[in-house]
Amino acid sequence: MQKTIKWCFLFLLFFTLGQTVLQKSDWTEQKNILQKVLPKEAQNQWYQIEGNYSRVYYQTEKEIAQMIQRQADTYYSMIAKDFDWKRTEKIDFMLFETKQMFMSSFFYEGEIPMGVYYKGVIGIVSPNLWDVQKQGGQKTDYFLEKGPVVHEMIHFAVEEKTKGNCPRFLTEGIALYYEKKYTGFLWYIAEEEKQKQITKAKLEKEFDQIDVSLSYWKSYEWVAKFVECYGEETLQKALQQKGEKEI
C-alpha cells in the first residue's frame, strides 16, 4: 500500500513539474512575441488562445480572439496550398482592443488600420473600434466578410515566399486578388476612378503617394490581369524566383 502511494506521489510530482515546464515554455513564447511588437510597459496582462495553425493574444475580448483564431485556421489550408506555404510554427495574431494600445505598439505608423502585418506578427484592431454602424451578429458577419485576417495572412505568406523581396504594389495586389478568391470580398472603388490609368512603374515607385483607393484597386487590377494572361501557377513561380534572389 505504501509503495503504491509512493508511486502515485512520484507520478503526481512528475506530472506537476511537466505542467510547470509547459506553462513556462508558453510564457516564454508569449514574452518573445510581446517584446517584438510592444514597448516594455505594455507587455503585461495578455492572454492567448491557440488553434491548429494560429495563436491569438488578447486582453479582455476573448470571443473576438476566438473568432480570429477560427477564421485563421479555416483559411490557412487554402493559403498554404496556393502559396506552397509550409510553416512549422503557428501564426501569431495580436488583438488590439483600444486605439491607445495600438498607437503604443510598433505596428503604428501614423494611422490605425483594421489590420497590419509586421515582422512575423499580425495585428488586428478590434471590430468594436471600427467606424461601422452595425450591431451584434451584423458586426460579426462584417468582420468575417471584410475583416483583415485573411488579407494579412496572405501578406505573411508572400513575405516568407519572397523573403521580403516583393514591391508594395505587388504584395497588396496579390493580397486583394486571393482575398477575393477565398472570401469574395473586393476592394471598393467608384466606377469613374477605375477608368484612370496608372502605370506599373508609377505603382511601383509612388504607391504611397497615390490615393489609397486607387493604388490598391490598380494593384489588384494588375495582378488579376496577369493571372488572366499567364495563370496563378506562373504568378507563384515569379514569387518563388523573387525569394531565390539576394535581397
Protein backbone atom coordinates (compact mmCIF):
# COMPACT_ATOMS: atom_id res chain seq x y z
CA MET A 1 0.00 0.00 0.00
CA GLN A 2 2.79 2.39 0.97
CA LYS A 3 4.65 1.52 -2.27
CA THR A 4 1.52 2.33 -4.28
CA ILE A 5 1.12 5.68 -2.51
CA LYS A 6 4.80 6.44 -3.14
CA TRP A 7 4.47 5.79 -6.88
CA CYS A 8 1.29 7.84 -7.06
CA PHE A 9 3.08 10.69 -5.32
CA LEU A 10 6.05 10.47 -7.70
CA PHE A 11 3.72 10.37 -10.71
CA LEU A 12 1.81 13.40 -9.43
CA LEU A 13 5.09 15.25 -8.80
CA PHE A 14 6.36 14.42 -12.29
CA PHE A 15 3.08 15.49 -13.87
CA THR A 16 3.08 18.76 -11.91
CA LEU A 17 6.66 19.52 -12.94
CA GLY A 18 5.80 18.69 -16.53
CA GLN A 19 2.89 21.11 -16.41
CA THR A 20 5.12 23.80 -14.88
CA VAL A 21 7.69 23.43 -17.66
CA LEU A 22 4.95 23.59 -20.29
CA GLN A 23 3.44 26.70 -18.79
CA LYS A 24 6.89 28.31 -18.52
CA SER A 25 7.54 27.48 -22.17
CA ASP A 26 4.23 29.07 -23.17
CA TRP A 27 5.03 32.14 -21.08
CA THR A 28 8.47 32.47 -22.71
CA GLU A 29 6.94 32.23 -26.19
CA GLN A 30 4.36 34.86 -25.30
CA LYS A 31 7.03 37.14 -23.85
CA ASN A 32 9.08 36.87 -27.06
CA ILE A 33 6.10 37.82 -29.21
CA LEU A 34 5.07 40.72 -26.99
CA GLN A 35 8.64 42.07 -26.94
CA LYS A 36 8.66 42.03 -30.72
CA VAL A 37 5.70 44.39 -31.11
CA LEU A 38 5.14 46.23 -27.80
CA PRO A 39 7.19 48.52 -25.57
CA LYS A 40 8.02 47.03 -22.16
CA GLU A 41 5.33 48.94 -20.25
CA ALA A 42 2.56 47.49 -22.47
CA GLN A 43 3.53 43.82 -22.22
CA ASN A 44 1.50 42.88 -19.11
CA GLN A 45 -1.90 41.16 -18.82
CA TRP A 46 -2.12 39.45 -22.17
CA TYR A 47 -3.77 36.04 -22.61
CA GLN A 48 -3.64 33.63 -25.53
CA ILE A 49 -5.74 31.02 -27.28
CA GLU A 50 -4.43 28.52 -29.81
CA GLY A 51 -5.81 26.71 -32.80
CA ASN A 52 -4.20 24.21 -35.14
CA TYR A 53 -2.37 26.88 -37.15
CA SER A 54 -2.81 30.12 -35.21
CA ARG A 55 -2.27 31.75 -31.84
CA VAL A 56 -4.13 34.88 -30.76
CA TYR A 57 -3.04 37.23 -27.97
CA TYR A 58 -5.77 39.32 -26.34
CA GLN A 59 -6.61 41.15 -23.11
CA THR A 60 -10.38 41.01 -22.47
CA GLU A 61 -12.20 40.35 -25.78
CA LYS A 62 -11.95 36.57 -25.76
CA GLU A 63 -14.90 36.00 -28.12
CA ILE A 64 -13.34 38.18 -30.81
CA ALA A 65 -9.97 36.46 -30.28
CA GLN A 66 -11.70 33.10 -30.79
CA MET A 67 -13.32 34.40 -33.98
CA ILE A 68 -9.90 35.45 -35.30
CA GLN A 69 -8.43 32.05 -34.40
CA ARG A 70 -11.23 30.12 -36.12
CA GLN A 71 -11.05 32.23 -39.26
CA ALA A 72 -7.27 31.93 -39.42
CA ASP A 73 -7.42 28.15 -39.08
CA THR A 74 -10.20 27.93 -41.68
CA TYR A 75 -8.31 29.82 -44.38
CA TYR A 76 -4.78 28.70 -43.60
CA SER A 77 -5.10 25.48 -45.63
CA MET A 78 -6.27 27.38 -48.73
CA ILE A 79 -3.43 29.90 -48.49
CA ALA A 80 -0.87 27.20 -47.72
CA LYS A 81 -1.93 25.21 -50.80
CA ASP A 82 -1.79 28.15 -53.24
CA PHE A 83 1.48 29.58 -51.89
CA ASP A 84 3.10 26.25 -51.05
CA TRP A 85 3.38 27.68 -47.55
CA LYS A 86 4.94 25.14 -45.20
CA ARG A 87 5.02 26.85 -41.83
CA THR A 88 6.33 24.87 -38.88
CA GLU A 89 5.17 27.45 -36.32
CA LYS A 90 1.73 28.87 -35.64
CA ILE A 91 0.75 32.27 -37.00
CA ASP A 92 0.72 34.89 -34.23
CA PHE A 93 -2.07 37.46 -34.02
CA MET A 94 -2.44 40.34 -31.57
CA LEU A 95 -5.89 41.77 -30.91
CA PHE A 96 -5.75 45.47 -30.03
CA GLU A 97 -8.80 46.48 -28.02
CA THR A 98 -8.03 50.20 -27.64
CA LYS A 99 -6.61 52.78 -30.01
CA GLN A 100 -4.12 53.81 -27.34
CA MET A 101 -2.69 50.30 -27.10
CA PHE A 102 -2.31 50.07 -30.88
CA MET A 103 -0.69 53.50 -31.03
CA SER A 104 1.84 52.43 -28.40
CA SER A 105 2.80 49.37 -30.44
CA PHE A 106 5.46 49.01 -33.12
CA PHE A 107 2.67 48.43 -35.65
CA TYR A 108 1.67 52.08 -35.52
CA GLU A 109 2.78 54.29 -38.42
CA GLY A 110 0.53 57.33 -38.09
CA GLU A 111 -2.79 55.65 -38.83
CA ILE A 112 -5.00 52.92 -37.38
CA PRO A 113 -5.96 50.31 -40.00
CA MET A 114 -8.18 47.27 -39.47
CA GLY A 115 -5.14 45.03 -39.59
CA VAL A 116 -1.42 45.13 -40.26
CA TYR A 117 1.46 42.70 -40.70
CA TYR A 118 4.81 43.37 -39.00
CA LYS A 119 7.86 41.11 -38.63
CA GLY A 120 6.03 37.80 -38.44
CA VAL A 121 3.11 39.02 -36.31
CA ILE A 122 -0.35 40.12 -37.46
CA GLY A 123 -2.03 42.94 -35.58
CA ILE A 124 -5.84 43.10 -35.64
CA VAL A 125 -7.69 46.18 -34.41
CA SER A 126 -10.87 45.15 -32.58
CA PRO A 127 -14.00 45.49 -34.73
CA ASN A 128 -15.50 47.37 -31.77
CA LEU A 129 -13.23 50.26 -32.80
CA TRP A 130 -14.12 50.22 -36.49
CA ASP A 131 -16.24 53.02 -37.87
CA VAL A 132 -19.04 50.65 -38.86
CA GLN A 133 -22.67 51.22 -37.90
CA LYS A 134 -23.53 47.59 -37.22
CA GLN A 135 -24.51 45.69 -34.09
CA GLY A 136 -24.26 42.13 -32.76
CA GLY A 137 -24.41 39.48 -35.45
CA GLN A 138 -24.20 42.06 -38.21
CA LYS A 139 -20.84 43.23 -36.91
CA THR A 140 -19.64 39.62 -36.72
CA ASP A 141 -20.71 38.98 -40.31
CA TYR A 142 -18.99 42.18 -41.43
CA PHE A 143 -15.79 41.15 -39.68
CA LEU A 144 -15.79 37.71 -41.30
CA GLU A 145 -16.60 39.03 -44.77
CA LYS A 146 -14.50 42.20 -44.86
CA GLY A 147 -12.11 41.90 -41.92
CA PRO A 148 -8.33 41.87 -42.26
CA VAL A 149 -7.45 38.34 -41.07
CA VAL A 150 -7.18 36.67 -44.49
CA HIS A 151 -5.64 39.74 -46.14
CA GLU A 152 -2.83 39.94 -43.58
CA MET A 153 -2.20 36.18 -43.67
CA ILE A 154 -1.62 36.48 -47.42
CA HIS A 155 0.88 39.29 -46.77
CA PHE A 156 2.69 36.94 -44.38
CA ALA A 157 2.75 34.15 -46.97
CA VAL A 158 4.07 36.50 -49.67
CA GLU A 159 6.81 37.84 -47.41
CA GLU A 160 8.00 34.37 -46.44
CA LYS A 161 7.92 33.12 -50.02
CA THR A 162 9.78 36.12 -51.45
CA LYS A 163 11.93 36.69 -48.33
CA GLY A 164 10.61 40.24 -48.29
CA ASN A 165 11.70 40.90 -51.87
CA CYS A 166 8.32 42.00 -53.21
CA PRO A 167 7.23 45.53 -54.23
CA ARG A 168 4.48 47.08 -52.12
CA PHE A 169 2.04 47.36 -55.01
CA LEU A 170 2.51 43.71 -55.89
CA THR A 171 2.02 42.34 -52.40
CA GLU A 172 -1.14 44.44 -51.97
CA GLY A 173 -2.47 43.39 -55.35
CA ILE A 174 -1.81 39.73 -54.57
CA ALA A 175 -3.49 40.01 -51.17
CA LEU A 176 -6.58 41.56 -52.75
CA TYR A 177 -6.68 39.02 -55.58
CA TYR A 178 -6.52 35.97 -53.29
CA GLU A 179 -8.79 37.57 -50.71
CA LYS A 180 -11.45 37.84 -53.42
CA LYS A 181 -10.78 34.23 -54.42
CA TYR A 182 -11.20 32.92 -50.87
CA THR A 183 -13.88 35.19 -49.37
CA GLY A 184 -15.50 37.01 -52.31
CA PHE A 185 -14.50 40.40 -50.86
CA LEU A 186 -13.29 43.00 -53.36
CA TRP A 187 -11.85 46.44 -52.62
CA TYR A 188 -14.44 49.15 -53.31
CA ILE A 189 -13.72 52.00 -55.70
CA ALA A 190 -16.03 54.33 -57.62
CA GLU A 191 -16.57 53.41 -61.27
CA GLU A 192 -15.12 56.68 -62.58
CA GLU A 193 -11.95 56.04 -60.56
CA LYS A 194 -11.49 52.65 -62.22
CA GLN A 195 -11.09 54.35 -65.57
CA LYS A 196 -7.97 56.24 -64.51
CA GLN A 197 -4.75 54.92 -65.98
CA ILE A 198 -1.84 54.19 -63.64
CA THR A 199 1.28 52.53 -65.00
CA LYS A 200 3.05 49.67 -63.26
CA ALA A 201 6.15 51.86 -62.93
CA LYS A 202 4.14 54.56 -61.15
CA LEU A 203 2.57 51.98 -58.81
CA GLU A 204 5.97 50.57 -58.01
CA LYS A 205 7.66 53.92 -57.34
CA GLU A 206 4.82 56.07 -55.99
CA PHE A 207 2.38 53.62 -54.35
CA ASP A 208 2.07 55.60 -51.11
CA GLN A 209 1.73 58.94 -52.89
CA ILE A 210 -1.32 57.82 -54.91
CA ASP A 211 -4.83 57.97 -53.43
CA VAL A 212 -5.16 54.78 -51.34
CA SER A 213 -8.35 53.51 -53.02
CA LEU A 214 -6.86 54.00 -56.47
CA SER A 215 -3.46 52.49 -55.65
CA TYR A 216 -4.99 49.38 -54.10
CA TRP A 217 -7.51 48.91 -56.91
CA LYS A 218 -4.95 49.33 -59.67
CA SER A 219 -2.62 46.91 -57.90
CA TYR A 220 -5.43 44.35 -57.73
CA GLU A 221 -6.28 45.04 -61.36
CA TRP A 222 -2.67 44.48 -62.44
CA VAL A 223 -2.44 41.13 -60.62
CA ALA A 224 -5.85 39.99 -61.88
CA LYS A 225 -4.83 40.78 -65.47
CA PHE A 226 -1.52 38.97 -65.03
CA VAL A 227 -3.32 35.86 -63.75
CA GLU A 228 -5.83 36.08 -66.60
CA CYS A 229 -2.98 36.07 -69.13
CA TYR A 230 -0.49 33.69 -67.52
CA GLY A 231 -2.24 31.85 -64.69
CA GLU A 232 -1.77 31.59 -60.94
CA GLU A 233 0.98 28.99 -61.30
CA THR A 234 3.15 31.48 -63.23
CA LEU A 235 2.48 34.14 -60.59
CA GLN A 236 3.58 31.76 -57.84
CA LYS A 237 6.71 30.82 -59.78
CA ALA A 238 7.56 34.51 -60.13
CA LEU A 239 7.21 34.94 -56.35
CA GLN A 240 9.39 31.93 -55.78
CA GLN A 241 12.08 33.39 -58.04
CA LYS A 242 11.99 36.65 -56.08
CA GLY A 243 12.62 34.64 -52.94
CA GLU A 244 15.64 32.96 -54.51
CA LYS A 245 17.32 36.28 -55.31
CA GLU A 246 19.58 38.06 -52.88
CA ILE A 247 17.77 40.89 -51.16
